[in-house]
Amino acid sequence: MEQPTCAHIGAITEVTIGDNYVCEECIKNDGTWVHLRTCQTCGVTLCCDASPRKHMTKHYHRSQHPVIASAEPGERWLWCYPDEVFTEY
């Protein structure tokens, strides 16, 4: 079965995952996170929408960087915010 894709995800030639397994914004503000995501445009690693402060979605709204990857060990997927497309890689 072919997975859905979009131009934003199609433009990614190499998936980047941060090597610092913390939410950079939560650390600054003494917060907590559930899961981590890495922006595929700038490489920042921030917390997911299940986390109290949802820093990665806030980053998308500020920056318009469209694609994130899960930074969780064993997870290999991408999400495109504007097209709402999920794909495994």
Protein backbone atom coordinates (compact mmCIF):
# COMPACT_ATOMS: atom_id res chain seq x y z
CA MET A 1 0.00 0.00 0.00
CA GLU A 2 1.45 3.35 -1.03
CA GLN A 3 1.69 5.92 1.75
CA PRO A 4 0.39 9.43 1.19
CA THR A 5 2.98 12.09 0.55
CA CYS A 6 3.18 15.79 -0.17
CA ALA A 7 5.65 18.19 -1.75
CA HIS A 8 7.04 19.19 1.66
CA ILE A 9 7.84 15.60 2.66
CA GLY A 10 8.97 14.80 -0.89
CA ALA A 11 11.58 17.56 -0.66
CA ILE A 12 13.33 15.89 2.30
CA THR A 13 16.37 13.97 1.14
CA GLU A 14 17.76 13.10 4.57
CA VAL A 15 15.85 12.92 7.85
CA THR A 16 17.54 14.78 10.69
CA ILE A 17 16.98 13.75 14.31
CA GLY A 18 18.35 15.84 17.14
CA ASP A 19 20.95 14.13 19.30
CA ASN A 20 19.94 16.06 22.41
CA TYR A 21 16.94 14.11 23.70
CA VAL A 22 15.27 16.97 25.55
CA CYS A 23 12.75 19.65 24.64
CA GLU A 24 14.90 22.76 24.44
CA GLU A 25 11.99 25.05 25.42
CA CYS A 26 10.84 22.88 28.34
CA ILE A 27 14.39 22.87 29.71
CA LYS A 28 14.48 26.70 29.58
CA ASN A 29 11.14 26.95 31.39
CA ASP A 30 11.42 24.01 33.83
CA GLY A 31 8.69 22.13 31.95
CA THR A 32 8.09 18.47 31.16
CA TRP A 33 7.43 16.63 27.91
CA VAL A 34 5.95 13.36 26.72
CA HIS A 35 7.56 12.78 23.28
CA LEU A 36 10.05 14.67 21.14
CA ARG A 37 9.92 15.84 17.53
CA THR A 38 12.67 17.31 15.33
CA CYS A 39 11.99 20.07 12.80
CA GLN A 40 13.25 19.04 9.38
CA THR A 41 13.96 22.64 8.36
CA CYS A 42 16.06 23.97 11.25
CA GLY A 43 16.79 20.85 13.36
CA VAL A 44 15.33 22.08 16.64
CA THR A 45 13.98 19.31 18.90
CA LEU A 46 10.83 20.17 20.86
CA CYS A 47 7.92 18.45 22.60
CA CYS A 48 4.82 16.95 20.96
CA ASP A 49 1.13 17.84 21.24
CA ALA A 50 0.64 15.29 24.05
CA SER A 51 3.03 17.41 26.14
CA PRO A 52 1.64 20.24 28.28
CA ARG A 53 3.18 23.11 26.28
CA LYS A 54 3.11 21.66 22.72
CA HIS A 55 6.30 23.46 21.75
CA MET A 56 6.75 21.85 18.31
CA THR A 57 3.32 22.97 17.09
CA LYS A 58 4.03 26.46 18.44
CA HIS A 59 7.33 26.38 16.53
CA TYR A 60 5.46 25.50 13.32
CA HIS A 61 3.00 28.37 13.76
CA ARG A 62 5.85 30.85 14.35
CA SER A 63 8.26 29.59 11.69
CA GLN A 64 6.04 27.86 9.11
CA HIS A 65 8.63 25.03 8.95
CA PRO A 66 6.33 22.33 7.55
CA VAL A 67 7.77 18.88 8.40
CA ILE A 68 8.75 17.20 11.66
CA ALA A 69 10.15 13.76 12.42
CA SER A 70 9.67 11.73 15.56
CA ALA A 71 12.81 11.91 17.68
CA GLU A 72 11.69 8.91 19.73
CA PRO A 73 13.94 5.82 19.56
CA GLY A 74 12.45 3.17 17.28
CA GLU A 75 9.97 5.56 15.61
CA ARG A 76 10.59 6.45 11.96
CA TRP A 77 7.90 8.80 10.69
CA LEU A 78 7.36 12.28 9.33
CA TRP A 79 4.40 14.66 9.71
CA CYS A 80 3.61 17.60 7.44
CA TYR A 81 1.64 20.30 9.27
CA PRO A 82 0.15 22.23 6.30
CA ASP A 83 -0.89 19.12 4.33
CA GLU A 84 -1.68 16.99 7.41
CA VAL A 85 0.23 14.05 5.92
CA PHE A 86 1.87 11.30 7.97
CA THR A 87 4.37 8.89 6.43
CA GLU A 88 6.80 6.31 7.72
CA TYR A 89 10.29 6.17 6.30
